[in-house]
Every structure is written in structure tokens, then in C-alpha cells.
Amino acid sequence: AAWLRLGVSTPDDFQAAAPGMYEHAGDLLRQMLRGYMNEWLDSGFKADVETPSSRSLPIDGTAYRVVRKFLRENPPTLNMPTNGGVFGIFTMSSYPTSGIDDICATATREAARLFTEFMDSELRWSLALCRKCDRYYIRKKVNSIYKRGAFCRDHQSTDGAQRRTKEKRESAKDSLYQMAANQFGRRIVNDSTWHTDKTLKIEIAGFLKKKIDSGQKILDNVPLHSIYRRGLTEKWVSNAKNYIAIQRIAEEMYAKR
């Protein structure tokens, strides 16, 4: 899959063109090939969930039209070796190198050829594009469902660590919301403007800080102070997301009584 990493094919006569024209054509080829590849890979997504086995080029998409046009202009010749196994060979004319227009046309055709051959290979199912570094890589499992999309080996552990950290923070917040509602629920439900009461907010923050400092733990036996190392203040209680969550829990608690 070297051509996938480089995104370029370079026959001798194509490479013999003037360096500037060759570089321009190479950039064009890479851009076009990546566009076709990404259109194919995107077809396996629904929201952020990726299912490689569901990939299918849209009929009205650019990549599908490119493959159909290439096959019409370069129909494969079928052949069979003496030990069996029929296969097709694309017959193409030589690469013109007389000017920039010809070289760009060759790059365009090369992109179409490479993508067509890619679509005839098993790589079309195992190829993936890392969401972090935008690099292509090969997956071993193609029948799985990837709820957060694709991550290469270098970024799988990073993504997992970030996800676990986020989950711990959310769990810690939920625990603090519950503690505040348990302790101050009645005062909260009896006063809809409680979150503007500076004295009450300081009292709630002080109560939660003691819980954090005491080594109170959340899910997976994680101590709160490992997440809230600096504790918290009344500003935390004043945050709309936090006081709305506390109030919702308090209202649910007292609605059941």
C-alpha cells in the first residue's frame, strides 16, 4: 500500500517532466485521490459512528462517476494464467509529458486509475482515516462498529485516556450535585432564586469542599480530590450548568415525597 501513503504514481516518462510541472501534477493527484478516498470512507459514517462494512459510494457522488468514466474509457482485458483464476488488466495509453496541461490530465487519469484499483481490492474495507492526525492506516477488524470513528495506533491510547478523564470528571460532578441536593435540597426547592444568595452559595461550596478534602470517592474508587485538586468556590455553584443540575436533582427528590 505504498501508493496510498505517497498518493502518487511515477512512471519514468511522467517523472522526467520539468520539476515544477511534476510537483504541481503530484499535488493534484494527491488532492484528487484523497478526495475520492474520503468520499468512500465517509459513506460508512452515520453521525460519529463508523461501520466500515456499510460503506457504499453514492451514485450521484464524484468518486462513483470517476470510476464509471475510467472503466468506460479503459475497459479491462480479461486474462487467465495456466493455473486458473481469471483477472482483468487495464490497458492504458502512454503518459504524455509535453506540457503542463497534458501532465495534469495524466495526474487526473492516474488518480482515477488508482482509486478504481483500490475499489477492486480488499483494502476498501480495511482502510481508515485517523480523526486526530488525518493519516490513513489499515484496520484489522472491518466488521466492527466504531462509536467514535477512526484513530490510528498512535492516537488510540490518547483518545482512550481523554475519554476516561472526561468520564471521571462527569462522574465527579454528578456526585457533587447529588451531595449538594441531599444536604440543601429543601432550601433550594423553597427558593427559586437560591442561586443568587451569596451566603447559601458559600455554604454549599464549603460543604462540598469538606467532602472533597475528606477523601470522598466516586465510581471506580476514584477520590474526588484527585479531580478537584484545588477544591471549589462559590463561583462553581454560581455556574449555570452546575446550579441547574443541583436544582433539578433537588426538585426530583422532593417531588417524590
C-alpha atoms as a PDB file:
ATOM      1  CA  ALA A   1       0.000   0.000   0.000  1.00  0.00           C
ATOM      2  CA  ALA A   2       2.946   2.332  -0.615  1.00  0.00           C
ATOM      3  CA  TRP A   3       0.967   4.296  -3.183  1.00  0.00           C
ATOM      4  CA  LEU A   4      -1.635   5.026  -0.510  1.00  0.00           C
ATOM      5  CA  ARG A   5       0.974   6.551   1.778  1.00  0.00           C
ATOM      6  CA  LEU A   6       2.547   8.603  -1.003  1.00  0.00           C
ATOM      7  CA  GLY A   7      -0.586   9.244  -3.009  1.00  0.00           C
ATOM      8  CA  VAL A   8       1.410   9.296  -6.263  1.00  0.00           C
ATOM      9  CA  SER A   9       2.391   7.037  -9.152  1.00  0.00           C
ATOM     10  CA  THR A  10       5.523   7.982 -11.138  1.00  0.00           C
ATOM     11  CA  PRO A  11       6.342   6.208 -14.405  1.00  0.00           C
ATOM     12  CA  ASP A  12       9.721   7.220 -15.835  1.00  0.00           C
ATOM     13  CA  ASP A  13       8.362   9.419 -18.602  1.00  0.00           C
ATOM     14  CA  PHE A  14       5.973  11.154 -16.175  1.00  0.00           C
ATOM     15  CA  GLN A  15       8.788  11.821 -13.721  1.00  0.00           C
ATOM     16  CA  ALA A  16      11.039  13.149 -16.495  1.00  0.00           C
ATOM     17  CA  ALA A  17       8.873  16.261 -16.878  1.00  0.00           C
ATOM     18  CA  ALA A  18      10.081  19.630 -15.648  1.00  0.00           C
ATOM     19  CA  PRO A  19      10.293  19.533 -11.791  1.00  0.00           C
ATOM     20  CA  GLY A  20       7.827  22.371 -11.292  1.00  0.00           C
ATOM     21  CA  MET A  21       5.196  20.787 -13.501  1.00  0.00           C
ATOM     22  CA  TYR A  22       5.791  17.381 -11.923  1.00  0.00           C
ATOM     23  CA  GLU A  23       5.319  18.754  -8.391  1.00  0.00           C
ATOM     24  CA  HIS A  24       2.138  20.537  -9.419  1.00  0.00           C
ATOM     25  CA  ALA A  25       0.781  17.373 -11.033  1.00  0.00           C
ATOM     26  CA  GLY A  26       1.776  15.325  -7.979  1.00  0.00           C
ATOM     27  CA  ASP A  27      -0.109  17.707  -5.692  1.00  0.00           C
ATOM     28  CA  LEU A  28      -3.130  17.491  -7.975  1.00  0.00           C
ATOM     29  CA  LEU A  29      -3.028  13.698  -7.945  1.00  0.00           C
ATOM     30  CA  ARG A  30      -2.790  13.530  -4.155  1.00  0.00           C
ATOM     31  CA  GLN A  31      -5.633  16.006  -3.715  1.00  0.00           C
ATOM     32  CA  MET A  32      -7.929  14.161  -6.092  1.00  0.00           C
ATOM     33  CA  LEU A  33      -7.095  10.700  -4.764  1.00  0.00           C
ATOM     34  CA  ARG A  34      -7.627  11.762  -1.154  1.00  0.00           C
ATOM     35  CA  GLY A  35     -10.955  13.298  -2.145  1.00  0.00           C
ATOM     36  CA  TYR A  36     -12.139  10.020  -3.698  1.00  0.00           C
ATOM     37  CA  MET A  37     -10.854   8.001  -0.740  1.00  0.00           C
ATOM     38  CA  ASN A  38     -12.526  10.235   1.814  1.00  0.00           C
ATOM     39  CA  GLU A  39     -15.825  10.149  -0.053  1.00  0.00           C
ATOM     40  CA  TRP A  40     -15.689   6.353   0.184  1.00  0.00           C
ATOM     41  CA  LEU A  41     -14.714   6.345   3.868  1.00  0.00           C
ATOM     42  CA  ASP A  42     -17.375   8.937   4.769  1.00  0.00           C
ATOM     43  CA  SER A  43     -20.065   6.690   3.310  1.00  0.00           C
ATOM     44  CA  GLY A  44     -19.567   4.354   6.290  1.00  0.00           C
ATOM     45  CA  PHE A  45     -20.425   7.056   8.842  1.00  0.00           C
ATOM     46  CA  LYS A  46     -23.727   7.863  10.456  1.00  0.00           C
ATOM     47  CA  ALA A  47     -23.218  10.834  12.764  1.00  0.00           C
ATOM     48  CA  ASP A  48     -19.978   9.948  14.628  1.00  0.00           C
ATOM     49  CA  VAL A  49     -20.499   6.182  14.411  1.00  0.00           C
ATOM     50  CA  GLU A  50     -18.494   4.352  11.750  1.00  0.00           C
ATOM     51  CA  THR A  51     -19.440   0.966  10.289  1.00  0.00           C
ATOM     52  CA  PRO A  52     -16.862   0.048   7.609  1.00  0.00           C
ATOM     53  CA  SER A  53     -18.971  -2.832   6.285  1.00  0.00           C
ATOM     54  CA  SER A  54     -21.754  -0.376   5.374  1.00  0.00           C
ATOM     55  CA  ARG A  55     -19.601   1.692   3.011  1.00  0.00           C
ATOM     56  CA  SER A  56     -21.182   2.329  -0.367  1.00  0.00           C
ATOM     57  CA  LEU A  57     -20.405   5.089  -2.867  1.00  0.00           C
ATOM     58  CA  PRO A  58     -23.362   7.393  -3.506  1.00  0.00           C
ATOM     59  CA  ILE A  59     -24.435   7.083  -7.158  1.00  0.00           C
ATOM     60  CA  ASP A  60     -24.570  10.852  -7.562  1.00  0.00           C
ATOM     61  CA  GLY A  61     -21.150  11.355  -5.941  1.00  0.00           C
ATOM     62  CA  THR A  62     -17.903  12.374  -7.649  1.00  0.00           C
ATOM     63  CA  ALA A  63     -15.967   9.196  -6.833  1.00  0.00           C
ATOM     64  CA  TYR A  64     -18.584   6.865  -8.340  1.00  0.00           C
ATOM     65  CA  ARG A  65     -18.757   8.918 -11.558  1.00  0.00           C
ATOM     66  CA  VAL A  66     -14.943   8.921 -11.824  1.00  0.00           C
ATOM     67  CA  VAL A  67     -14.753   5.122 -11.603  1.00  0.00           C
ATOM     68  CA  ARG A  68     -17.543   4.627 -14.150  1.00  0.00           C
ATOM     69  CA  LYS A  69     -15.892   7.057 -16.587  1.00  0.00           C
ATOM     70  CA  PHE A  70     -12.498   5.384 -16.169  1.00  0.00           C
ATOM     71  CA  LEU A  71     -13.955   1.923 -16.827  1.00  0.00           C
ATOM     72  CA  ARG A  72     -15.716   3.154 -19.976  1.00  0.00           C
ATOM     73  CA  GLU A  73     -12.530   4.707 -21.347  1.00  0.00           C
ATOM     74  CA  ASN A  74     -10.186   1.918 -20.174  1.00  0.00           C
ATOM     75  CA  PRO A  75     -12.119  -1.360 -20.180  1.00  0.00           C
ATOM     76  CA  PRO A  76     -10.131  -4.167 -18.538  1.00  0.00           C
ATOM     77  CA  THR A  77      -8.837  -7.032 -20.629  1.00  0.00           C
ATOM     78  CA  LEU A  78      -9.613 -10.393 -19.054  1.00  0.00           C
ATOM     79  CA  ASN A  79      -6.844 -12.959 -18.804  1.00  0.00           C
ATOM     80  CA  MET A  80      -6.207 -16.294 -17.129  1.00  0.00           C
ATOM     81  CA  PRO A  81      -2.906 -17.925 -16.180  1.00  0.00           C
ATOM     82  CA  THR A  82      -2.374 -21.639 -16.803  1.00  0.00           C
ATOM     83  CA  ASN A  83      -3.154 -22.449 -13.169  1.00  0.00           C
ATOM     84  CA  GLY A  84      -6.552 -20.743 -13.337  1.00  0.00           C
ATOM     85  CA  GLY A  85      -8.019 -17.598 -11.832  1.00  0.00           C
ATOM     86  CA  VAL A  86      -9.437 -15.007 -14.238  1.00  0.00           C
ATOM     87  CA  PHE A  87      -8.266 -11.452 -13.715  1.00  0.00           C
ATOM     88  CA  GLY A  88      -8.548  -8.130 -15.520  1.00  0.00           C
ATOM     89  CA  ILE A  89      -5.769  -5.820 -16.748  1.00  0.00           C
ATOM     90  CA  PHE A  90      -6.324  -2.148 -17.519  1.00  0.00           C
ATOM     91  CA  THR A  91      -4.896  -1.175 -20.891  1.00  0.00           C
ATOM     92  CA  MET A  92      -3.894   2.483 -20.986  1.00  0.00           C
ATOM     93  CA  SER A  93      -2.092   4.663 -23.494  1.00  0.00           C
ATOM     94  CA  SER A  94       1.340   6.126 -22.688  1.00  0.00           C
ATOM     95  CA  TYR A  95       1.727   9.112 -20.387  1.00  0.00           C
ATOM     96  CA  PRO A  96       2.031  12.434 -22.286  1.00  0.00           C
ATOM     97  CA  THR A  97       4.628  14.873 -20.931  1.00  0.00           C
ATOM     98  CA  SER A  98       4.667  17.663 -23.479  1.00  0.00           C
ATOM     99  CA  GLY A  99       3.186  20.386 -21.279  1.00  0.00           C
ATOM    100  CA  ILE A 100       1.521  21.256 -18.006  1.00  0.00           C
ATOM    101  CA  ASP A 101      -1.989  20.582 -19.346  1.00  0.00           C
ATOM    102  CA  ASP A 102      -1.027  17.103 -20.539  1.00  0.00           C
ATOM    103  CA  ILE A 103       0.735  16.305 -17.275  1.00  0.00           C
ATOM    104  CA  CYS A 104      -2.256  17.451 -15.198  1.00  0.00           C
ATOM    105  CA  ALA A 105      -4.546  15.369 -17.398  1.00  0.00           C
ATOM    106  CA  THR A 106      -2.258  12.398 -16.753  1.00  0.00           C
ATOM    107  CA  ALA A 107      -2.379  13.058 -12.997  1.00  0.00           C
ATOM    108  CA  THR A 108      -6.172  13.183 -13.166  1.00  0.00           C
ATOM    109  CA  ARG A 109      -6.278   9.864 -15.000  1.00  0.00           C
ATOM    110  CA  GLU A 110      -3.757   8.313 -12.604  1.00  0.00           C
ATOM    111  CA  ALA A 111      -5.931   9.309  -9.638  1.00  0.00           C
ATOM    112  CA  ALA A 112      -8.913   7.655 -11.324  1.00  0.00           C
ATOM    113  CA  ARG A 113      -6.889   4.507 -12.074  1.00  0.00           C
ATOM    114  CA  LEU A 114      -5.506   4.176  -8.564  1.00  0.00           C
ATOM    115  CA  PHE A 115      -8.908   4.695  -6.985  1.00  0.00           C
ATOM    116  CA  THR A 116     -10.522   2.181  -9.351  1.00  0.00           C
ATOM    117  CA  GLU A 117      -7.899  -0.429  -8.454  1.00  0.00           C
ATOM    118  CA  PHE A 118      -8.384   0.419  -4.790  1.00  0.00           C
ATOM    119  CA  MET A 119     -12.125  -0.214  -5.130  1.00  0.00           C
ATOM    120  CA  ASP A 120     -11.298  -3.625  -6.605  1.00  0.00           C
ATOM    121  CA  SER A 121      -9.188  -4.581  -3.572  1.00  0.00           C
ATOM    122  CA  GLU A 122      -9.953  -5.697  -0.018  1.00  0.00           C
ATOM    123  CA  LEU A 123      -8.265  -2.522   1.180  1.00  0.00           C
ATOM    124  CA  ARG A 124     -11.511  -0.692   0.531  1.00  0.00           C
ATOM    125  CA  TRP A 125     -12.923  -2.243   3.718  1.00  0.00           C
ATOM    126  CA  SER A 126      -9.854  -2.080   5.978  1.00  0.00           C
ATOM    127  CA  LEU A 127      -8.598   1.405   5.102  1.00  0.00           C
ATOM    128  CA  ALA A 128      -9.341   4.075   7.736  1.00  0.00           C
ATOM    129  CA  LEU A 129      -8.512   7.744   8.289  1.00  0.00           C
ATOM    130  CA  CYS A 130      -7.367   8.843  11.754  1.00  0.00           C
ATOM    131  CA  ARG A 131      -9.514  11.656  13.164  1.00  0.00           C
ATOM    132  CA  LYS A 132      -6.518  13.082  15.048  1.00  0.00           C
ATOM    133  CA  CYS A 133      -3.646  13.163  12.534  1.00  0.00           C
ATOM    134  CA  ASP A 134      -5.537  12.781   9.235  1.00  0.00           C
ATOM    135  CA  ARG A 135      -3.338   9.836   8.209  1.00  0.00           C
ATOM    136  CA  TYR A 136      -4.516   6.651   6.525  1.00  0.00           C
ATOM    137  CA  TYR A 137      -3.950   3.310   8.213  1.00  0.00           C
ATOM    138  CA  ILE A 138      -5.119  -0.294   7.880  1.00  0.00           C
ATOM    139  CA  ARG A 139      -7.573  -1.805  10.363  1.00  0.00           C
ATOM    140  CA  LYS A 140      -7.541  -5.468  11.270  1.00  0.00           C
ATOM    141  CA  LYS A 141     -11.255  -5.615  12.124  1.00  0.00           C
ATOM    142  CA  VAL A 142     -13.653  -4.486   9.411  1.00  0.00           C
ATOM    143  CA  ASN A 143     -16.907  -5.932  10.751  1.00  0.00           C
ATOM    144  CA  SER A 144     -16.905  -3.883  13.939  1.00  0.00           C
ATOM    145  CA  ILE A 145     -18.778  -0.692  14.792  1.00  0.00           C
ATOM    146  CA  TYR A 146     -16.630   2.257  15.860  1.00  0.00           C
ATOM    147  CA  LYS A 147     -18.664   4.627  18.009  1.00  0.00           C
ATOM    148  CA  ARG A 148     -16.088   7.425  17.955  1.00  0.00           C
ATOM    149  CA  GLY A 149     -14.760   6.915  14.446  1.00  0.00           C
ATOM    150  CA  ALA A 150     -11.192   6.034  13.492  1.00  0.00           C
ATOM    151  CA  PHE A 151      -7.988   6.509  15.478  1.00  0.00           C
ATOM    152  CA  CYS A 152      -4.580   5.203  14.418  1.00  0.00           C
ATOM    153  CA  ARG A 153      -2.386   3.244  16.815  1.00  0.00           C
ATOM    154  CA  ASP A 154      -0.544   6.389  17.921  1.00  0.00           C
ATOM    155  CA  HIS A 155      -3.791   8.095  18.953  1.00  0.00           C
ATOM    156  CA  GLN A 156      -5.961   5.230  20.190  1.00  0.00           C
ATOM    157  CA  SER A 157      -4.427   5.372  23.671  1.00  0.00           C
ATOM    158  CA  THR A 158      -4.619   9.175  23.722  1.00  0.00           C
ATOM    159  CA  ASP A 159      -8.289   9.110  22.812  1.00  0.00           C
ATOM    160  CA  GLY A 160      -8.990   6.440  25.436  1.00  0.00           C
ATOM    161  CA  ALA A 161      -7.199   8.397  28.163  1.00  0.00           C
ATOM    162  CA  GLN A 162      -9.054  11.588  27.266  1.00  0.00           C
ATOM    163  CA  ARG A 163     -12.360   9.741  27.263  1.00  0.00           C
ATOM    164  CA  ARG A 164     -11.693   8.187  30.682  1.00  0.00           C
ATOM    165  CA  THR A 165     -10.670  11.563  32.112  1.00  0.00           C
ATOM    166  CA  LYS A 166     -13.865  13.131  30.782  1.00  0.00           C
ATOM    167  CA  GLU A 167     -15.953  10.310  32.250  1.00  0.00           C
ATOM    168  CA  LYS A 168     -14.299  10.758  35.654  1.00  0.00           C
ATOM    169  CA  ARG A 169     -14.956  14.497  35.607  1.00  0.00           C
ATOM    170  CA  GLU A 170     -18.599  13.952  34.704  1.00  0.00           C
ATOM    171  CA  SER A 171     -18.945  11.337  37.434  1.00  0.00           C
ATOM    172  CA  ALA A 172     -17.337  13.689  39.967  1.00  0.00           C
ATOM    173  CA  LYS A 173     -19.735  16.496  39.020  1.00  0.00           C
ATOM    174  CA  ASP A 174     -22.734  14.193  39.319  1.00  0.00           C
ATOM    175  CA  SER A 175     -21.585  13.162  42.795  1.00  0.00           C
ATOM    176  CA  LEU A 176     -21.200  16.775  43.897  1.00  0.00           C
ATOM    177  CA  TYR A 177     -24.627  17.661  42.504  1.00  0.00           C
ATOM    178  CA  GLN A 178     -26.168  14.797  44.467  1.00  0.00           C
ATOM    179  CA  MET A 179     -24.387  15.734  47.710  1.00  0.00           C
ATOM    180  CA  ALA A 180     -25.493  19.359  47.416  1.00  0.00           C
ATOM    181  CA  ALA A 181     -29.087  18.366  46.696  1.00  0.00           C
ATOM    182  CA  ASN A 182     -29.129  15.914  49.618  1.00  0.00           C
ATOM    183  CA  GLN A 183     -27.852  18.497  52.070  1.00  0.00           C
ATOM    184  CA  PHE A 184     -29.571  21.678  50.850  1.00  0.00           C
ATOM    185  CA  GLY A 185     -32.492  20.321  48.836  1.00  0.00           C
ATOM    186  CA  ARG A 186     -35.311  21.741  50.933  1.00  0.00           C
ATOM    187  CA  ARG A 187     -33.859  25.257  50.955  1.00  0.00           C
ATOM    188  CA  ILE A 188     -33.288  25.041  47.204  1.00  0.00           C
ATOM    189  CA  VAL A 189     -36.827  23.957  46.271  1.00  0.00           C
ATOM    190  CA  ASN A 190     -38.356  26.563  48.603  1.00  0.00           C
ATOM    191  CA  ASP A 191     -36.491  29.450  46.950  1.00  0.00           C
ATOM    192  CA  SER A 192     -36.266  29.632  43.147  1.00  0.00           C
ATOM    193  CA  THR A 193     -33.654  32.401  43.451  1.00  0.00           C
ATOM    194  CA  TRP A 194     -31.389  30.421  45.777  1.00  0.00           C
ATOM    195  CA  HIS A 195     -28.501  30.537  43.276  1.00  0.00           C
ATOM    196  CA  THR A 196     -28.308  34.324  43.760  1.00  0.00           C
ATOM    197  CA  ASP A 197     -27.961  34.000  47.542  1.00  0.00           C
ATOM    198  CA  LYS A 198     -24.241  34.572  48.159  1.00  0.00           C
ATOM    199  CA  THR A 199     -24.385  33.252  51.733  1.00  0.00           C
ATOM    200  CA  LEU A 200     -26.043  29.995  50.669  1.00  0.00           C
ATOM    201  CA  LYS A 201     -23.610  29.519  47.778  1.00  0.00           C
ATOM    202  CA  ILE A 202     -20.646  29.959  50.115  1.00  0.00           C
ATOM    203  CA  GLU A 203     -22.212  27.436  52.492  1.00  0.00           C
ATOM    204  CA  ILE A 204     -22.747  24.896  49.705  1.00  0.00           C
ATOM    205  CA  ALA A 205     -19.201  25.378  48.378  1.00  0.00           C
ATOM    206  CA  GLY A 206     -17.756  24.961  51.881  1.00  0.00           C
ATOM    207  CA  PHE A 207     -19.767  21.776  52.432  1.00  0.00           C
ATOM    208  CA  LEU A 208     -18.615  20.269  49.119  1.00  0.00           C
ATOM    209  CA  LYS A 209     -15.000  21.270  49.753  1.00  0.00           C
ATOM    210  CA  LYS A 210     -15.050  19.343  53.028  1.00  0.00           C
ATOM    211  CA  LYS A 211     -16.367  16.294  51.184  1.00  0.00           C
ATOM    212  CA  ILE A 212     -13.537  16.624  48.658  1.00  0.00           C
ATOM    213  CA  ASP A 213     -10.871  17.082  51.335  1.00  0.00           C
ATOM    214  CA  SER A 214     -12.198  14.135  53.343  1.00  0.00           C
ATOM    215  CA  GLY A 215     -11.274  11.693  50.556  1.00  0.00           C
ATOM    216  CA  GLN A 216     -14.836  11.077  49.379  1.00  0.00           C
ATOM    217  CA  LYS A 217     -14.757   8.685  46.424  1.00  0.00           C
ATOM    218  CA  ILE A 218     -16.787   8.282  43.243  1.00  0.00           C
ATOM    219  CA  LEU A 219     -17.098   5.453  40.721  1.00  0.00           C
ATOM    220  CA  ASP A 220     -14.082   3.147  40.250  1.00  0.00           C
ATOM    221  CA  ASN A 221     -12.920   4.155  43.736  1.00  0.00           C
ATOM    222  CA  VAL A 222     -11.544   7.481  42.452  1.00  0.00           C
ATOM    223  CA  PRO A 223     -11.172  10.152  45.201  1.00  0.00           C
ATOM    224  CA  LEU A 224     -12.781  13.497  44.459  1.00  0.00           C
ATOM    225  CA  HIS A 225      -9.657  15.407  45.423  1.00  0.00           C
ATOM    226  CA  SER A 226      -7.773  13.757  42.532  1.00  0.00           C
ATOM    227  CA  ILE A 227     -10.098  15.643  40.161  1.00  0.00           C
ATOM    228  CA  TYR A 228     -10.778  18.801  42.193  1.00  0.00           C
ATOM    229  CA  ARG A 229      -7.228  19.328  43.463  1.00  0.00           C
ATOM    230  CA  ARG A 230      -7.885  22.993  44.171  1.00  0.00           C
ATOM    231  CA  GLY A 231     -11.277  22.364  45.701  1.00  0.00           C
ATOM    232  CA  LEU A 232     -14.082  24.671  44.582  1.00  0.00           C
ATOM    233  CA  THR A 233     -15.601  28.020  45.493  1.00  0.00           C
ATOM    234  CA  GLU A 234     -18.960  29.751  45.293  1.00  0.00           C
ATOM    235  CA  LYS A 235     -18.178  30.511  41.631  1.00  0.00           C
ATOM    236  CA  TRP A 236     -18.581  26.803  40.921  1.00  0.00           C
ATOM    237  CA  VAL A 237     -22.050  26.924  42.485  1.00  0.00           C
ATOM    238  CA  SER A 238     -22.845  30.100  40.512  1.00  0.00           C
ATOM    239  CA  ASN A 239     -22.103  28.368  37.211  1.00  0.00           C
ATOM    240  CA  ALA A 240     -25.467  27.945  35.450  1.00  0.00           C
ATOM    241  CA  LYS A 241     -24.759  24.366  34.381  1.00  0.00           C
ATOM    242  CA  ASN A 242     -23.958  23.389  37.974  1.00  0.00           C
ATOM    243  CA  TYR A 243     -26.783  25.119  39.846  1.00  0.00           C
ATOM    244  CA  ILE A 244     -29.378  23.987  37.279  1.00  0.00           C
ATOM    245  CA  ALA A 245     -28.242  20.382  37.740  1.00  0.00           C
ATOM    246  CA  ILE A 246     -28.372  20.694  41.556  1.00  0.00           C
ATOM    247  CA  GLN A 247     -31.831  22.244  41.423  1.00  0.00           C
ATOM    248  CA  ARG A 248     -33.140  19.545  39.065  1.00  0.00           C
ATOM    249  CA  ILE A 249     -31.987  16.779  41.422  1.00  0.00           C
ATOM    250  CA  ALA A 250     -33.431  18.569  44.457  1.00  0.00           C
ATOM    251  CA  GLU A 251     -36.802  19.040  42.746  1.00  0.00           C
ATOM    252  CA  GLU A 252     -36.894  15.375  41.727  1.00  0.00           C
ATOM    253  CA  MET A 253     -36.088  14.322  45.294  1.00  0.00           C
ATOM    254  CA  TYR A 254     -38.823  16.399  46.909  1.00  0.00           C
ATOM    255  CA  ALA A 255     -41.384  15.665  44.209  1.00  0.00           C
ATOM    256  CA  LYS A 256     -41.310  12.022  45.335  1.00  0.00           C
ATOM    257  CA  ARG A 257     -42.039  12.867  48.994  1.00  0.00           C
END
